[in-house]
Amino acid sequence: MPDSPSPPRLAVIGGGPAGLMAAEAARAAGLDVHLFEAKGSVGRKFLIAGKGGLNLTHGEPRPGFDARYRERAAAVGRWLDAFDADALRAWARGLGVETYVGSSGRVFPLDRKAAPLLRSWVRRLKDAGVQMHVHHRWQGWDASGALRFDTPGGETTFAADAVVLALGGGSWPQLGSDGAWVAPLAAQGVDIAPLEPANCGFDVGWSALLAEKFAGAPLKPVVAHLQTPDGTHHALKGECVLTATGIEGSLVYAIGADLRAAIHRDGSTLLHLDLVPGRDPARLAADLSKPRKGRSLGEHLRRQAGLDAAKCALLFEVLDKAAQQDMARVAATLKRLPLRLLRPRPIAEAISTAGGVRLEALDDALMVRSHPGLFCAGEMLDWDAPTGGYLLTACFASGLLAGRGAAAWLAARPGRAD
């Protein structure tokens, strides 16, 4: 009897959640899957992201969940149709990892750790026949169309029937997602939106005193007020942190895309913070007007407005000495303290990146329209989301879609035997 034909060979490049999920989906479809990772092990950024507790996904129901992806809500929503937050939790359960929904709506493993889940997943992939090649840094293609890799032993090539790229964005480059893929893809004519920092801090330009004494101090709770270009006013309550150069934290990340857009448009943007949410402005002004009885202004603010040292320092940063004696003005400033944001922090410091391979350049299976057989997934695509589990969920979902898409494309090639 004639030998059975070898299964098509798929190269998955990138060992983060999107790449691992693509490999899993493709292997389940019967492909010969080879996964390449530039670092010495897979999932490094995944492990770091889980260091303080792995926020795997979010319990927010759809379509509110989809709306977190802003202008990409419809496109990412189609990915979630195949693999949403509930599916992700069920998938984790299949790896022996139960999850729970925290008070904030964020979903965590019961032990809050990333390592056990990653170990179980990698073991299952290897047992299924996925072949992993670490210390392989992708360099593009050679003249014959084979993939080129730098390895400790020199350059090597690999011929694949299809390719899934899941190379991450440009944040945390020390963990592998350094954006080096932009050049070889751009040279092939793939349409790429410039990478930008997302889920990042913003520079304000503090005085030396505030920078030295209060970097790392939390501001909680506060309400951020901002106005979008269409004139819509937004108010969002949450927490943020003072840094040596400005502010960062979950509240800032949640509105970061709007802040970035405003800075692009105007060169800087004004953000207002309510440092005493829930305090009636008139009552606050009356309380602050009570006699100080020799107390310092800081102690007066602590007693009458509940301000801690960090919030007092922020007030003193924006009001001069004379204005600090006007309690009506102090009260008004506490309810709407202005901060001029100058620029986002560099990509290397960001949690994630916006920009990447434009979704318009891909078909519904995430294949590059101009390069049949080349698929892209994960953070290297042009979408964005705040922290809270939304980033990881879309990475998993897009990886699944790309892996299935590669398998379907290979099965449908002309001349392919059944």
Protein backbone atom coordinates (compact mmCIF):
# COMPACT_ATOMS: atom_id res chain seq x y z
CA MET A 1 0.00 0.00 0.00
CA PRO A 2 1.27 3.54 -0.67
CA ASP A 3 2.50 5.55 2.28
CA SER A 4 0.02 8.02 3.77
CA PRO A 5 0.84 11.62 2.81
CA SER A 6 2.58 13.65 5.49
CA PRO A 7 0.35 16.20 7.19
CA PRO A 8 0.89 19.84 6.20
CA ARG A 9 3.59 21.58 8.21
CA LEU A 10 2.71 24.75 10.10
CA ALA A 11 5.23 27.10 11.67
CA VAL A 12 3.96 29.13 14.61
CA ILE A 13 6.40 31.90 15.53
CA GLY A 14 6.02 33.31 19.03
CA GLY A 15 5.48 31.42 22.27
CA GLY A 16 3.04 33.71 24.04
CA PRO A 17 -0.67 32.93 24.62
CA ALA A 18 -1.66 33.69 21.01
CA GLY A 19 1.07 31.49 19.55
CA LEU A 20 0.48 28.64 21.96
CA MET A 21 -3.25 28.75 21.28
CA ALA A 22 -2.66 28.79 17.52
CA ALA A 23 -0.40 25.75 17.88
CA GLU A 24 -3.01 23.93 19.95
CA ALA A 25 -5.83 24.62 17.49
CA ALA A 26 -3.73 23.64 14.47
CA ARG A 27 -2.45 20.45 16.07
CA ALA A 28 -6.02 19.47 16.98
CA ALA A 29 -6.81 19.79 13.26
CA GLY A 30 -4.06 17.32 12.40
CA LEU A 31 -1.25 19.60 11.26
CA ASP A 32 2.44 18.99 11.88
CA VAL A 33 3.03 21.99 14.15
CA HIS A 34 6.41 23.52 14.93
CA LEU A 35 6.49 26.41 17.39
CA PHE A 36 9.48 28.77 17.42
CA GLU A 37 10.39 31.05 20.32
CA ALA A 38 13.23 33.58 20.46
CA LYS A 39 13.82 33.16 24.19
CA GLY A 40 14.87 30.05 26.07
CA SER A 41 11.32 29.22 27.16
CA VAL A 42 7.79 30.09 26.13
CA GLY A 43 5.31 32.31 27.94
CA ARG A 44 7.77 34.65 29.64
CA LYS A 45 5.58 37.74 29.44
CA PHE A 46 2.59 35.64 30.48
CA LEU A 47 4.47 34.63 33.63
CA ILE A 48 5.49 38.19 34.44
CA ALA A 49 1.95 39.44 33.86
CA GLY A 50 0.80 36.89 36.42
CA LYS A 51 3.40 37.80 39.02
CA GLY A 52 0.94 39.80 41.11
CA GLY A 53 -1.95 37.46 40.33
CA LEU A 54 -2.82 36.17 36.86
CA ASN A 55 -5.75 38.23 35.57
CA LEU A 56 -6.85 35.74 32.94
CA THR A 57 -10.05 37.40 31.72
CA HIS A 58 -12.98 39.48 32.97
CA GLY A 59 -16.48 38.66 34.09
CA GLU A 60 -18.13 41.57 32.29
CA PRO A 61 -20.92 40.23 30.05
CA ARG A 62 -21.05 40.91 26.36
CA PRO A 63 -21.61 43.23 24.53
CA GLY A 64 -20.07 45.44 27.21
CA PHE A 65 -16.98 43.23 27.09
CA ASP A 66 -16.66 43.82 23.34
CA ALA A 67 -16.96 47.58 23.77
CA ARG A 68 -13.64 47.60 25.65
CA TYR A 69 -11.94 47.20 22.28
CA ARG A 70 -13.31 50.57 21.16
CA GLU A 71 -13.13 51.05 17.39
CA ARG A 72 -12.15 47.39 16.99
CA ALA A 73 -15.14 46.13 18.98
CA ALA A 74 -16.88 44.55 15.99
CA ALA A 75 -13.77 42.81 14.71
CA VAL A 76 -12.62 41.51 18.09
CA GLY A 77 -16.21 40.59 18.87
CA ARG A 78 -16.06 38.10 16.00
CA TRP A 79 -13.00 36.53 17.60
CA LEU A 80 -14.87 36.31 20.89
CA ASP A 81 -17.77 34.58 19.16
CA ALA A 82 -15.37 31.65 18.79
CA PHE A 83 -13.65 31.94 22.17
CA ASP A 84 -15.00 34.30 24.81
CA ALA A 85 -14.33 34.73 28.52
CA ASP A 86 -16.51 31.76 29.48
CA ALA A 87 -14.74 29.58 26.93
CA LEU A 88 -11.39 30.69 28.30
CA ARG A 89 -12.40 29.76 31.84
CA ALA A 90 -13.62 26.36 30.62
CA TRP A 91 -10.33 25.87 28.74
CA ALA A 92 -8.37 26.63 31.93
CA ARG A 93 -10.55 24.15 33.80
CA GLY A 94 -9.53 21.54 31.25
CA LEU A 95 -5.94 22.14 32.33
CA GLY A 96 -6.88 21.60 35.96
CA VAL A 97 -7.05 25.31 36.80
CA GLU A 98 -10.25 26.56 38.38
CA THR A 99 -10.97 30.30 38.31
CA TYR A 100 -13.02 32.82 40.24
CA VAL A 101 -14.44 36.28 39.62
CA GLY A 102 -13.00 38.89 41.97
CA SER A 103 -14.85 41.87 43.40
CA SER A 104 -13.64 44.03 40.50
CA GLY A 105 -14.99 41.58 37.93
CA ARG A 106 -11.51 40.36 37.05
CA VAL A 107 -11.07 36.60 36.71
CA PHE A 108 -8.14 34.82 38.39
CA PRO A 109 -7.01 31.23 38.94
CA LEU A 110 -7.87 30.09 42.46
CA ASP A 111 -4.17 30.17 43.38
CA ARG A 112 -3.70 33.40 41.34
CA LYS A 113 -0.57 31.91 39.75
CA ALA A 114 0.40 31.75 36.08
CA ALA A 115 3.11 29.09 36.28
CA PRO A 116 0.93 26.01 37.02
CA LEU A 117 -1.38 26.82 34.12
CA LEU A 118 1.51 27.41 31.72
CA ARG A 119 3.28 24.20 32.78
CA SER A 120 0.15 22.12 32.25
CA TRP A 121 -0.49 23.76 28.90
CA VAL A 122 3.04 23.24 27.58
CA ARG A 123 2.99 19.63 28.75
CA ARG A 124 -0.30 19.02 26.94
CA LEU A 125 0.98 20.64 23.75
CA LYS A 126 4.13 18.53 23.75
CA ASP A 127 2.15 15.37 24.50
CA ALA A 128 -0.09 16.22 21.54
CA GLY A 129 2.95 16.39 19.26
CA VAL A 130 3.64 20.12 19.00
CA GLN A 131 7.40 20.47 18.45
CA MET A 132 8.94 23.45 20.21
CA HIS A 133 12.14 25.18 19.12
CA VAL A 134 13.51 27.75 21.58
CA HIS A 135 16.35 30.20 21.01
CA HIS A 136 15.06 30.70 17.46
CA ARG A 137 14.74 34.40 16.60
CA TRP A 138 12.83 34.98 13.38
CA GLN A 139 14.60 37.07 10.74
CA GLY A 140 12.16 36.94 7.82
CA TRP A 141 12.36 34.81 4.70
CA ASP A 142 15.16 33.71 2.39
CA ALA A 143 15.04 33.86 -1.41
CA SER A 144 13.29 30.48 -1.61
CA GLY A 145 10.57 31.53 0.81
CA ALA A 146 11.89 29.51 3.75
CA LEU A 147 11.78 31.04 7.21
CA ARG A 148 15.09 32.33 8.55
CA PHE A 149 16.06 32.05 12.21
CA ASP A 150 19.04 33.15 14.26
CA THR A 151 20.03 30.45 16.75
CA PRO A 152 22.98 29.95 19.11
CA GLY A 153 24.46 27.67 16.46
CA GLY A 154 24.08 30.16 13.64
CA GLU A 155 21.38 30.89 11.07
CA THR A 156 19.00 28.11 10.12
CA THR A 157 15.99 27.89 7.81
CA PHE A 158 12.67 26.10 7.98
CA ALA A 159 10.24 25.39 5.15
CA ALA A 160 6.58 25.48 6.16
CA ASP A 161 3.33 25.07 4.27
CA ALA A 162 1.77 27.93 6.28
CA VAL A 163 2.88 30.31 9.00
CA VAL A 164 1.22 31.90 12.02
CA LEU A 165 3.04 34.93 13.39
CA ALA A 166 2.26 35.71 17.03
CA LEU A 167 5.21 37.93 17.87
CA GLY A 168 3.67 40.34 20.35
CA GLY A 169 3.84 44.12 20.24
CA GLY A 170 6.80 46.19 21.34
CA SER A 171 6.38 46.39 25.12
CA TRP A 172 8.65 44.64 27.61
CA PRO A 173 11.24 43.90 24.91
CA GLN A 174 13.47 42.06 27.37
CA LEU A 175 10.84 39.30 27.38
CA GLY A 176 10.83 38.95 23.59
CA SER A 177 8.11 41.25 22.23
CA ASP A 178 10.47 43.86 20.83
CA GLY A 179 8.67 44.81 17.61
CA ALA A 180 11.57 43.57 15.47
CA TRP A 181 9.02 41.88 13.20
CA VAL A 182 7.87 45.24 11.82
CA ALA A 183 10.80 45.60 9.39
CA PRO A 184 10.56 42.19 7.63
CA LEU A 185 6.77 42.42 7.33
CA ALA A 186 6.89 46.00 6.06
CA ALA A 187 9.49 44.89 3.48
CA GLN A 188 6.91 42.38 2.25
CA GLY A 189 4.35 45.15 1.82
CA VAL A 190 2.19 44.20 4.83
CA ASP A 191 0.19 47.23 6.04
CA ILE A 192 1.28 48.11 9.58
CA ALA A 193 0.07 50.91 11.84
CA PRO A 194 2.94 52.41 13.89
CA LEU A 195 3.38 50.84 17.31
CA GLU A 196 2.47 53.06 20.27
CA PRO A 197 2.59 52.56 24.04
CA ALA A 198 -0.71 51.46 25.55
CA ASN A 199 -1.66 50.75 29.16
CA CYS A 200 1.16 53.04 30.15
CA GLY A 201 1.91 56.01 32.34
CA PHE A 202 1.99 59.63 31.23
CA ASP A 203 4.54 62.34 31.97
CA VAL A 204 3.48 65.45 33.86
CA GLY A 205 6.82 66.92 34.89
CA TRP A 206 6.67 67.14 38.67
CA SER A 207 8.77 69.31 40.91
CA ALA A 208 11.83 67.59 42.36
CA LEU A 209 10.14 67.48 45.77
CA LEU A 210 7.08 65.58 44.62
CA ALA A 211 9.12 63.27 42.38
CA GLU A 212 11.51 62.35 45.17
CA LYS A 213 9.07 62.04 48.07
CA PHE A 214 5.90 60.67 46.49
CA ALA A 215 6.89 58.48 43.53
CA GLY A 216 4.98 55.24 44.06
CA ALA A 217 2.27 56.79 46.26
CA PRO A 218 -1.26 55.66 45.41
CA LEU A 219 -4.13 58.03 44.74
CA LYS A 220 -7.35 56.32 45.75
CA PRO A 221 -10.10 56.74 45.20
CA VAL A 222 -10.21 59.51 42.61
CA VAL A 223 -12.44 60.38 39.70
CA ALA A 224 -10.88 61.28 36.36
CA HIS A 225 -12.69 63.82 34.21
CA LEU A 226 -11.88 64.21 30.52
CA GLN A 227 -13.57 65.46 27.39
CA THR A 228 -13.26 63.53 24.13
CA PRO A 229 -12.94 65.26 20.73
CA ASP A 230 -16.68 64.89 20.05
CA GLY A 231 -17.37 67.01 23.15
CA THR A 232 -18.52 64.12 25.32
CA HIS A 233 -17.59 64.43 29.00
CA HIS A 234 -16.43 61.27 30.74
CA ALA A 235 -16.02 60.66 34.45
CA LEU A 236 -14.42 57.45 35.68
CA LYS A 237 -13.71 56.44 39.26
CA GLY A 238 -10.69 54.35 40.13
CA GLU A 239 -7.13 54.33 41.38
CA CYS A 240 -3.82 55.55 40.02
CA VAL A 241 -0.26 56.00 41.22
CA LEU A 242 2.13 58.92 41.28
CA THR A 243 5.42 58.19 39.52
CA ALA A 244 8.70 60.08 39.36
CA THR A 245 7.56 61.63 36.08
CA GLY A 246 3.75 61.62 36.19
CA ILE A 247 0.91 59.17 36.76
CA GLU A 248 0.04 55.59 35.89
CA GLY A 249 -2.27 52.84 37.07
CA SER A 250 -5.53 51.14 36.19
CA LEU A 251 -7.58 54.33 36.04
CA VAL A 252 -5.08 55.90 33.64
CA TYR A 253 -4.92 52.76 31.52
CA ALA A 254 -8.70 52.70 31.18
CA ILE A 255 -8.70 56.13 29.52
CA GLY A 256 -5.24 55.89 27.99
CA ALA A 257 -6.40 55.63 24.38
CA ASP A 258 -8.34 58.90 24.68
CA LEU A 259 -5.41 60.59 26.39
CA ARG A 260 -3.05 59.40 23.66
CA ALA A 261 -5.36 60.64 20.94
CA ALA A 262 -5.66 64.06 22.57
CA ILE A 263 -1.89 64.38 22.87
CA HIS A 264 -1.50 63.42 19.21
CA ARG A 265 -4.02 66.10 18.30
CA ASP A 266 -2.97 68.94 20.59
CA GLY A 267 0.57 68.18 21.74
CA SER A 268 -0.58 67.70 25.35
CA THR A 269 -3.87 67.25 27.16
CA LEU A 270 -5.53 68.34 30.38
CA LEU A 271 -6.85 65.72 32.77
CA HIS A 272 -8.85 66.72 35.84
CA LEU A 273 -8.94 64.64 39.02
CA ASP A 274 -11.52 64.79 41.79
CA LEU A 275 -9.41 63.96 44.83
CA VAL A 276 -12.38 63.82 47.20
CA PRO A 277 -15.12 61.93 45.35
CA GLY A 278 -18.38 61.81 47.23
CA ARG A 279 -17.73 65.08 49.04
CA ASP A 280 -20.29 67.78 48.29
CA PRO A 281 -18.43 70.87 46.94
CA ALA A 282 -20.35 73.34 49.10
CA ARG A 283 -19.92 71.26 52.27
CA LEU A 284 -16.24 70.75 51.44
CA ALA A 285 -15.71 74.51 51.08
CA ALA A 286 -17.51 75.13 54.38
CA ASP A 287 -15.43 72.49 56.19
CA LEU A 288 -12.17 73.90 54.84
CA SER A 289 -13.19 77.40 55.94
CA LYS A 290 -13.26 76.36 59.60
CA PRO A 291 -10.50 77.90 61.76
CA ARG A 292 -7.18 76.10 61.51
CA LYS A 293 -6.25 76.85 65.15
CA GLY A 294 -2.55 76.94 64.39
CA ARG A 295 -2.51 73.67 62.50
CA SER A 296 -0.50 73.35 59.28
CA LEU A 297 -2.41 73.40 56.05
CA GLY A 298 -1.61 69.75 55.48
CA GLU A 299 -3.02 68.77 58.87
CA HIS A 300 -6.08 70.96 58.25
CA LEU A 301 -6.70 69.22 54.92
CA ARG A 302 -6.31 65.83 56.55
CA ARG A 303 -8.81 66.66 59.30
CA GLN A 304 -11.40 68.49 57.21
CA ALA A 305 -11.13 66.76 53.82
CA GLY A 306 -9.57 63.39 54.61
CA LEU A 307 -6.54 64.06 52.41
CA ASP A 308 -3.43 61.93 52.79
CA ALA A 309 0.09 63.27 52.23
CA ALA A 310 0.19 62.33 48.54
CA LYS A 311 -3.04 64.15 47.73
CA CYS A 312 -1.85 67.18 49.71
CA ALA A 313 1.41 67.17 47.74
CA LEU A 314 -0.54 67.04 44.49
CA LEU A 315 -2.63 70.02 45.58
CA PHE A 316 0.48 71.98 46.54
CA GLU A 317 1.98 71.11 43.14
CA VAL A 318 -0.76 72.98 41.27
CA LEU A 319 -1.57 75.84 43.66
CA ASP A 320 0.97 78.47 44.67
CA LYS A 321 1.38 79.66 48.27
CA ALA A 322 -1.09 82.51 47.94
CA ALA A 323 -3.79 80.33 46.35
CA GLN A 324 -3.34 77.75 49.12
CA GLN A 325 -4.72 80.28 51.62
CA ASP A 326 -7.97 80.70 49.66
CA MET A 327 -10.11 77.85 50.98
CA ALA A 328 -12.80 78.31 48.34
CA ARG A 329 -10.18 77.89 45.65
CA VAL A 330 -8.61 74.96 47.46
CA ALA A 331 -12.00 73.23 47.66
CA ALA A 332 -12.68 73.83 43.97
CA THR A 333 -9.24 72.49 43.04
CA LEU A 334 -9.67 69.37 45.13
CA LYS A 335 -12.85 68.62 43.18
CA ARG A 336 -11.23 69.29 39.81
CA LEU A 337 -7.45 69.30 40.04
CA PRO A 338 -5.86 70.00 36.62
CA LEU A 339 -2.95 67.90 35.37
CA ARG A 340 -1.25 68.67 32.06
CA LEU A 341 -0.19 65.36 30.52
CA LEU A 342 2.75 65.89 28.20
CA ARG A 343 3.42 62.51 26.61
CA PRO A 344 2.95 58.78 27.19
CA ARG A 345 5.87 56.87 28.66
CA PRO A 346 8.11 54.93 26.24
CA ILE A 347 6.92 51.67 24.65
CA ALA A 348 9.50 49.66 26.55
CA GLU A 349 7.78 50.60 29.82
CA ALA A 350 4.23 50.00 28.61
CA ILE A 351 2.15 46.95 29.49
CA SER A 352 1.02 46.62 25.88
CA THR A 353 1.11 48.39 22.54
CA ALA A 354 -1.44 49.80 20.14
CA GLY A 355 -0.85 49.66 16.40
CA GLY A 356 0.46 46.69 14.45
CA VAL A 357 -0.72 44.72 11.42
CA ARG A 358 -3.88 46.46 10.33
CA LEU A 359 -6.98 44.26 10.54
CA GLU A 360 -8.02 45.56 7.13
CA ALA A 361 -5.00 43.71 5.69
CA LEU A 362 -6.37 40.39 7.03
CA ASP A 363 -9.30 38.20 6.10
CA ASP A 364 -11.78 36.83 8.63
CA ALA A 365 -9.41 33.93 9.43
CA LEU A 366 -6.60 36.44 10.16
CA MET A 367 -4.68 35.54 6.99
CA VAL A 368 -2.76 38.36 5.31
CA ARG A 369 -4.73 38.97 2.12
CA SER A 370 -1.63 39.76 0.05
CA HIS A 371 0.29 36.72 1.37
CA PRO A 372 -1.78 33.52 1.26
CA GLY A 373 -0.72 31.10 3.96
CA LEU A 374 0.58 33.81 6.31
CA PHE A 375 -1.55 34.39 9.41
CA CYS A 376 -1.09 36.85 12.30
CA ALA A 377 -2.47 36.80 15.84
CA GLY A 378 -2.24 38.42 19.23
CA GLU A 379 -0.86 41.77 20.26
CA MET A 380 0.98 42.31 16.97
CA LEU A 381 -2.40 43.11 15.41
CA ASP A 382 -3.82 46.64 15.34
CA TRP A 383 -6.20 46.59 18.30
CA ASP A 384 -6.06 47.85 21.85
CA ALA A 385 -7.78 47.22 25.17
CA PRO A 386 -7.37 48.22 28.81
CA THR A 387 -5.96 45.87 31.41
CA GLY A 388 -8.39 43.75 33.37
CA GLY A 389 -8.24 40.51 31.38
CA TYR A 390 -9.37 42.01 28.07
CA LEU A 391 -5.86 41.92 26.56
CA LEU A 392 -5.26 38.26 27.31
CA THR A 393 -8.73 37.18 26.20
CA ALA A 394 -8.31 38.72 22.74
CA CYS A 395 -4.82 37.21 22.41
CA PHE A 396 -6.17 33.73 23.16
CA ALA A 397 -9.15 34.19 20.85
CA SER A 398 -7.13 35.52 17.92
CA GLY A 399 -4.61 32.68 18.30
CA LEU A 400 -7.37 30.10 18.16
CA LEU A 401 -8.83 31.76 15.07
CA ALA A 402 -5.46 31.92 13.28
CA GLY A 403 -4.61 28.29 14.08
CA ARG A 404 -7.98 27.09 12.83
CA GLY A 405 -7.72 29.40 9.83
CA ALA A 406 -4.34 27.98 8.86
CA ALA A 407 -5.68 24.43 9.10
CA ALA A 408 -8.73 25.28 6.99
CA TRP A 409 -6.62 27.07 4.37
CA LEU A 410 -4.21 24.14 4.08
CA ALA A 411 -7.08 21.66 3.79
CA ALA A 412 -8.66 23.71 1.00
CA ARG A 413 -5.53 24.12 -1.15
CA PRO A 414 -6.00 23.07 -4.77
CA GLY A 415 -4.75 19.56 -5.37
CA ARG A 416 -4.90 18.64 -1.71
CA ALA A 417 -5.85 15.00 -1.30
CA ASP A 418 -8.75 14.18 1.05
